[in-house]
């Protein structure tokens, strides 16, 4: 059995030496390609990480820019609403002033028309009164002239006036 044990140990040593030799050959011949592959892998990881960090930074900058644009748009929106309210108030006041001016002009025209119509009515009433007074005076004179004593006095007065003219 000792021999079987020694043989087994020798076999293990040779297997170990073969593995070491294999690893040395793989290391000797594979060092450069494996190193290049590992370096390329790490470079890609680094580049991807740097690219991700750059994209993250750009995304943060874009987000900050979007926030600023949003705030600016919100501020402009509020300003536009204020401006629209002010403009609407100004237009409302202008329209009210125009309406007030039109009302004043209408009142002035109405007042002028009332005065004119009142003057016409007074003149017409005066003409009517004078006409009636004349008619009454003629009627009264005609009635009074029926009196012979009044006729005689009128004739005498008319003769005196004619004599005074000559």
Protein backbone atom coordinates (compact mmCIF):
# COMPACT_ATOMS: atom_id res chain seq x y z
CA UNK A 1 0.00 0.00 0.00
CA UNK A 2 2.85 2.32 0.54
CA UNK A 3 3.65 2.09 -3.01
CA UNK A 4 0.19 2.85 -4.05
CA UNK A 5 0.31 5.85 -1.82
CA UNK A 6 3.63 7.03 -3.26
CA UNK A 7 2.38 6.48 -6.74
CA UNK A 8 -0.68 8.48 -5.97
CA UNK A 9 1.39 11.33 -4.51
CA UNK A 10 3.73 11.29 -7.50
CA UNK A 11 0.75 11.43 -9.79
CA UNK A 12 -0.63 14.38 -7.86
CA UNK A 13 2.72 16.20 -8.05
CA UNK A 14 2.90 15.65 -11.79
CA UNK A 15 -0.68 16.82 -12.20
CA UNK A 16 0.14 19.91 -10.11
CA UNK A 17 3.29 20.55 -12.17
CA UNK A 18 1.27 20.14 -15.38
CA UNK A 19 -1.32 22.62 -14.12
CA UNK A 20 1.42 25.05 -13.12
CA UNK A 21 3.13 24.60 -16.47
CA UNK A 22 -0.16 25.10 -18.23
CA UNK A 23 -0.86 28.24 -16.23
CA UNK A 24 2.66 29.52 -16.92
CA UNK A 25 2.22 28.93 -20.67
CA UNK A 26 -1.23 30.54 -20.60
CA UNK A 27 0.24 33.42 -18.60
CA UNK A 28 3.23 33.80 -20.90
CA UNK A 29 1.25 33.66 -24.12
CA UNK A 30 -2.07 35.07 -22.83
CA UNK A 31 -0.71 37.83 -20.66
CA UNK A 32 -0.78 40.46 -23.40
CA UNK A 33 -4.18 39.57 -24.99
CA UNK A 34 -5.81 38.98 -21.62
CA UNK A 35 -4.30 42.22 -20.27
CA UNK A 36 -5.50 44.05 -23.36
CA UNK A 37 -8.94 42.48 -23.02
CA UNK A 38 -9.12 43.37 -19.32
CA UNK A 39 -7.82 46.90 -19.95
CA UNK A 40 -10.30 47.27 -22.83
CA UNK A 41 -13.06 45.97 -20.56
CA UNK A 42 -12.10 48.42 -17.80
CA UNK A 43 -11.74 51.28 -20.33
CA UNK A 44 -15.21 50.52 -21.66
CA UNK A 45 -16.54 50.42 -18.12
CA UNK A 46 -14.78 53.71 -17.35
CA UNK A 47 -15.98 55.28 -20.59
CA UNK A 48 -19.51 54.06 -19.97
CA UNK A 49 -19.32 55.37 -16.41
CA UNK A 50 -17.93 58.71 -17.57
CA UNK A 51 -20.55 58.81 -20.36
CA UNK A 52 -23.27 58.05 -17.82
CA UNK A 53 -21.92 60.73 -15.49
CA UNK A 54 -21.77 63.18 -18.42
CA UNK A 55 -25.34 62.27 -19.45
CA UNK A 56 -26.45 62.64 -15.83
CA UNK A 57 -24.76 66.06 -15.64
CA UNK A 58 -26.36 67.10 -18.96
CA UNK A 59 -29.73 65.82 -17.76
CA UNK A 60 -29.36 67.80 -14.52
CA UNK A 61 -28.38 70.91 -16.52
CA UNK A 62 -31.33 70.38 -18.87
CA UNK A 63 -33.63 69.92 -15.87
CA UNK A 64 -32.31 73.11 -14.26
CA UNK A 65 -32.69 74.96 -17.56
CA UNK A 66 -36.24 73.61 -17.94
CA UNK A 67 -37.03 74.72 -14.37
CA UNK A 68 -35.70 78.22 -15.12
CA UNK A 69 -37.66 78.35 -18.39
CA UNK A 70 -40.78 77.16 -16.55
CA UNK A 71 -40.35 79.85 -13.87
CA UNK A 72 -39.74 82.47 -16.55
CA UNK A 73 -42.81 81.31 -18.50
CA UNK A 74 -44.85 81.35 -15.29
CA UNK A 75 -43.63 84.89 -14.50
CA UNK A 76 -44.40 86.05 -18.05
CA UNK A 77 -47.84 84.42 -17.81
CA UNK A 78 -48.59 86.32 -14.60
CA UNK A 79 -47.31 89.55 -16.19
CA UNK A 80 -49.46 88.97 -19.28
CA UNK A 81 -52.53 88.36 -17.13
CA UNK A 82 -51.82 91.59 -15.20
CA UNK A 83 -51.28 93.47 -18.45
CA UNK A 84 -54.50 92.02 -19.89
CA UNK A 85 -56.40 93.02 -16.72
CA UNK A 86 -54.94 96.53 -16.86
CA UNK A 87 -55.75 96.82 -20.55
CA UNK A 88 -59.29 95.57 -19.96
CA UNK A 89 -59.72 98.07 -17.09
CA UNK A 90 -58.37 100.89 -19.27
CA UNK A 91 -60.66 99.95 -22.16
CA UNK A 92 -63.59 99.73 -19.74
CA UNK A 93 -62.80 103.20 -18.34
CA UNK A 94 -62.43 104.62 -21.87
CA UNK A 95 -65.77 103.13 -22.90
CA UNK A 96 -67.43 104.46 -19.75
CA UNK A 97 -65.97 107.91 -20.49
CA UNK A 98 -67.24 107.69 -24.09
CA UNK A 99 -70.70 106.70 -22.84
CA UNK A 100 -70.63 109.57 -20.32
CA UNK A 101 -69.68 112.02 -23.09
CA UNK A 102 -72.47 110.68 -25.30
CA UNK A 103 -74.95 111.01 -22.41
CA UNK A 104 -73.82 114.61 -21.82
CA UNK A 105 -74.19 115.43 -25.54
CA UNK A 106 -77.62 113.78 -25.63
CA UNK A 107 -78.70 115.78 -22.57
CA UNK A 108 -77.37 118.99 -24.14
CA UNK A 109 -79.19 118.25 -27.41
CA UNK A 110 -82.35 117.36 -25.50
CA UNK A 111 -82.06 120.58 -23.48
CA UNK A 112 -81.55 122.60 -26.67
CA UNK A 113 -84.51 120.86 -28.29
CA UNK A 114 -86.66 121.51 -25.21
CA UNK A 115 -85.65 125.18 -25.19
CA UNK A 116 -86.33 125.50 -28.92
CA UNK A 117 -89.70 123.76 -28.62
CA UNK A 118 -90.56 125.84 -25.55
CA UNK A 119 -89.66 129.06 -27.44
CA UNK A 120 -91.76 127.93 -30.42
CA UNK A 121 -94.65 127.05 -28.11
CA UNK A 122 -94.37 130.46 -26.36
CA UNK A 123 -94.32 132.29 -29.71
CA UNK A 124 -97.26 130.28 -30.96
CA UNK A 125 -99.12 130.85 -27.72
CA UNK A 126 -98.31 134.58 -27.94
CA UNK A 127 -99.53 134.71 -31.57
CA UNK A 128 -102.66 132.82 -30.57
CA UNK A 129 -103.20 135.17 -27.62
CA UNK A 130 -102.65 138.23 -29.84
CA UNK A 131 -105.01 136.84 -32.46
CA UNK A 132 -107.67 136.16 -29.83
CA UNK A 133 -107.09 139.59 -28.26
CA UNK A 134 -107.40 141.22 -31.70
CA UNK A 135 -110.57 139.26 -32.45
CA UNK A 136 -112.02 140.18 -29.04
CA UNK A 137 -110.95 143.82 -29.51
CA UNK A 138 -112.54 143.97 -32.98
CA UNK A 139 -115.67 142.29 -31.68
CA UNK A 140 -115.79 144.66 -28.71
CA UNK A 141 -115.15 147.66 -30.97
CA UNK A 142 -117.83 146.48 -33.38
CA UNK A 143 -120.26 146.12 -30.50
CA UNK A 144 -119.23 149.45 -28.99
CA UNK A 145 -119.28 151.16 -32.38
CA UNK A 146 -122.98 150.36 -32.58
CA UNK A 147 -123.40 153.11 -30.00
CA UNK A 148 -124.16 156.43 -31.94
CA UNK A 149 -122.50 158.57 -29.28
CA UNK A 150 -119.23 156.64 -29.67
CA UNK A 151 -119.44 156.93 -33.45
CA UNK A 152 -119.84 160.67 -33.22
CA UNK A 153 -116.84 161.05 -30.85
CA UNK A 154 -114.66 158.90 -33.18
CA UNK A 155 -115.60 161.01 -36.20
CA UNK A 156 -114.81 164.23 -34.31
CA UNK A 157 -111.46 162.90 -33.15
CA UNK A 158 -110.56 161.76 -36.70
CA UNK A 159 -111.44 165.22 -38.09
CA UNK A 160 -109.24 166.93 -35.50
CA UNK A 161 -106.34 164.69 -36.42
CA UNK A 162 -106.74 165.50 -40.10
CA UNK A 163 -106.95 169.20 -39.40
CA UNK A 164 -103.80 168.98 -37.28
CA UNK A 165 -101.90 167.39 -40.15
CA UNK A 166 -102.73 170.11 -42.60
